[in-house]
């Protein structure tokens, strides 16, 4: 018995060099953005004003903490400032994540590309879709009436 190197099996179908190797993505959720199992509501969370106050206090504490050491303040105060900076970093980081989710939820709707002069596919689909006002109206018999341009129905 001779030792032959193992050869990889030939695939049953030839591999297309132009094929996209990227696996398909799962479809995006089109409904409201979920946050902790519920719909994301902007009124329930912190606002931009709250975030700005947090950032201003954080910047003041970041500047004051090393200065407290240079000015020979008691070490307890310097330690308290250091822990306050760490806590504010955590809170401010969570606030900005929440605000970014709000921006993402706001941008989920269809929007027109800036340089586009034509309607997008979504806008064309929305134009074909009946609105709530159309559903409230009773159906008319206009479809049964032949128009001048159309040949008569026989």
Protein backbone atom coordinates (compact mmCIF):
# COMPACT_ATOMS: atom_id res chain seq x y z
CA UNK A 1 0.00 0.00 0.00
CA UNK A 2 1.45 3.37 -0.99
CA UNK A 3 0.87 6.61 0.82
CA UNK A 4 -0.90 9.02 -1.48
CA UNK A 5 -1.71 12.56 -0.39
CA UNK A 6 -5.37 13.14 0.28
CA UNK A 7 -7.05 15.14 -2.45
CA UNK A 8 -10.03 17.32 -1.80
CA UNK A 9 -13.22 16.12 -3.37
CA UNK A 10 -14.32 17.92 -6.49
CA UNK A 11 -17.58 19.79 -6.01
CA UNK A 12 -20.53 18.36 -7.91
CA UNK A 13 -21.27 21.74 -9.49
CA UNK A 14 -18.64 24.18 -10.68
CA UNK A 15 -18.14 27.25 -8.50
CA UNK A 16 -19.20 30.50 -10.14
CA UNK A 17 -16.36 33.03 -9.66
CA UNK A 18 -18.85 35.91 -9.98
CA UNK A 19 -21.21 34.61 -7.28
CA UNK A 20 -21.62 36.67 -4.13
CA UNK A 21 -20.14 34.71 -1.19
CA UNK A 22 -21.94 36.87 1.37
CA UNK A 23 -24.74 34.97 3.13
CA UNK A 24 -28.18 36.58 2.80
CA UNK A 25 -29.28 38.86 5.62
CA UNK A 26 -32.47 38.30 7.49
CA UNK A 27 -35.11 40.95 6.76
CA UNK A 28 -35.19 44.02 8.97
CA UNK A 29 -38.00 44.68 11.35
CA UNK A 30 -40.29 47.33 9.85
CA UNK A 31 -42.33 48.05 12.95
CA UNK A 32 -41.39 50.21 15.91
CA UNK A 33 -38.00 49.77 17.54
CA UNK A 34 -38.09 47.52 20.59
CA UNK A 35 -36.48 48.64 23.86
CA UNK A 36 -36.60 46.30 26.85
CA UNK A 37 -39.44 44.35 25.24
CA UNK A 38 -41.70 47.36 24.59
CA UNK A 39 -41.99 49.93 21.83
CA UNK A 40 -39.39 52.69 22.15
CA UNK A 41 -41.11 55.88 23.29
CA UNK A 42 -39.15 59.12 23.22
CA UNK A 43 -41.23 60.70 25.98
CA UNK A 44 -40.22 58.09 28.56
CA UNK A 45 -36.46 58.48 28.34
CA UNK A 46 -33.92 61.22 28.87
CA UNK A 47 -33.87 64.09 26.42
CA UNK A 48 -31.13 66.08 24.76
CA UNK A 49 -31.17 68.72 27.53
CA UNK A 50 -30.51 66.06 30.15
CA UNK A 51 -27.62 64.74 28.08
CA UNK A 52 -26.10 68.21 27.70
CA UNK A 53 -26.25 68.80 31.47
CA UNK A 54 -24.57 65.43 32.05
CA UNK A 55 -21.78 66.29 29.61
CA UNK A 56 -21.17 69.72 31.16
CA UNK A 57 -20.99 68.23 34.69
CA UNK A 58 -18.72 65.44 33.40
CA UNK A 59 -16.31 67.94 31.79
CA UNK A 60 -16.20 70.02 34.98
CA UNK A 61 -15.46 66.93 37.08
CA UNK A 62 -12.81 65.70 34.62
CA UNK A 63 -11.02 69.05 34.87
CA UNK A 64 -11.50 69.37 38.63
CA UNK A 65 -10.29 65.87 39.57
CA UNK A 66 -6.58 66.27 38.66
CA UNK A 67 -6.61 69.87 39.88
CA UNK A 68 -7.82 68.70 43.29
CA UNK A 69 -4.68 66.57 43.57
CA UNK A 70 -2.43 69.42 42.39
CA UNK A 71 -4.04 71.83 44.87
CA UNK A 72 -3.50 69.35 47.76
CA UNK A 73 -7.18 68.94 48.59
CA UNK A 74 -7.96 66.13 51.03
CA UNK A 75 -7.62 62.72 49.40
CA UNK A 76 -11.24 61.85 50.22
CA UNK A 77 -12.47 64.70 48.03
CA UNK A 78 -10.15 63.68 45.17
CA UNK A 79 -11.34 60.08 45.46
CA UNK A 80 -14.99 61.18 45.51
CA UNK A 81 -14.39 63.26 42.37
CA UNK A 82 -12.74 60.29 40.66
CA UNK A 83 -15.66 57.99 41.49
CA UNK A 84 -18.10 60.71 40.35
CA UNK A 85 -16.28 60.89 36.99
CA UNK A 86 -16.56 57.11 36.55
CA UNK A 87 -20.26 57.16 37.48
CA UNK A 88 -20.95 60.10 35.14
CA UNK A 89 -19.13 58.32 32.30
CA UNK A 90 -21.43 55.34 32.79
CA UNK A 91 -24.63 57.41 32.95
CA UNK A 92 -23.66 59.69 30.06
CA UNK A 93 -22.72 56.69 27.92
CA UNK A 94 -26.08 55.05 28.56
CA UNK A 95 -27.90 58.29 27.77
CA UNK A 96 -26.13 58.71 24.44
CA UNK A 97 -26.90 55.10 23.50
CA UNK A 98 -30.57 55.74 24.25
CA UNK A 99 -30.57 58.96 22.22
CA UNK A 100 -28.88 57.23 19.29
CA UNK A 101 -31.59 54.56 19.36
CA UNK A 102 -34.19 57.32 19.18
CA UNK A 103 -32.48 58.80 16.14
CA UNK A 104 -32.30 55.37 14.53
CA UNK A 105 -36.00 54.79 15.26
CA UNK A 106 -36.87 58.15 13.75
CA UNK A 107 -34.90 57.39 10.59
CA UNK A 108 -36.53 53.98 10.12
CA UNK A 109 -39.26 55.49 7.98
CA UNK A 110 -38.81 55.87 4.27
CA UNK A 111 -36.80 58.87 3.21
CA UNK A 112 -35.82 60.21 -0.16
CA UNK A 113 -32.14 60.12 -1.13
CA UNK A 114 -30.82 63.67 -1.38
CA UNK A 115 -29.66 63.50 -5.01
CA UNK A 116 -32.62 61.52 -6.32
CA UNK A 117 -34.95 63.21 -8.79
CA UNK A 118 -37.19 60.17 -9.20
CA UNK A 119 -39.45 58.35 -6.77
CA UNK A 120 -38.00 55.50 -4.75
CA UNK A 121 -39.43 51.98 -4.89
CA UNK A 122 -41.03 52.49 -1.49
CA UNK A 123 -42.74 55.68 -2.63
CA UNK A 124 -44.06 53.91 -5.72
CA UNK A 125 -45.40 51.08 -3.54
CA UNK A 126 -47.05 53.59 -1.20
CA UNK A 127 -48.73 55.32 -4.14
CA UNK A 128 -50.27 52.00 -5.25
CA UNK A 129 -51.42 51.07 -1.76
CA UNK A 130 -54.96 52.24 -0.82
CA UNK A 131 -55.19 54.71 2.04
CA UNK A 132 -57.61 54.68 4.98
CA UNK A 133 -59.73 57.32 3.24
CA UNK A 134 -60.11 55.02 0.22
CA UNK A 135 -61.33 52.19 2.46
CA UNK A 136 -64.07 54.40 3.97
CA UNK A 137 -65.53 55.36 0.59
CA UNK A 138 -68.19 53.11 -0.95
CA UNK A 139 -67.13 51.41 -4.19
CA UNK A 140 -68.20 53.13 -7.37
CA UNK A 141 -69.35 51.51 -10.59
CA UNK A 142 -66.83 53.45 -12.70
CA UNK A 143 -65.01 50.22 -13.54
CA UNK A 144 -68.12 48.78 -15.17
CA UNK A 145 -68.61 51.83 -17.41
CA UNK A 146 -66.62 51.70 -20.66
CA UNK A 147 -64.56 54.76 -21.44
CA UNK A 148 -64.30 56.43 -24.81
CA UNK A 149 -60.75 55.14 -25.28
CA UNK A 150 -61.49 51.53 -24.44
CA UNK A 151 -63.27 49.18 -26.82
CA UNK A 152 -66.84 48.31 -25.76
CA UNK A 153 -67.33 45.19 -23.71
CA UNK A 154 -69.17 42.45 -25.58
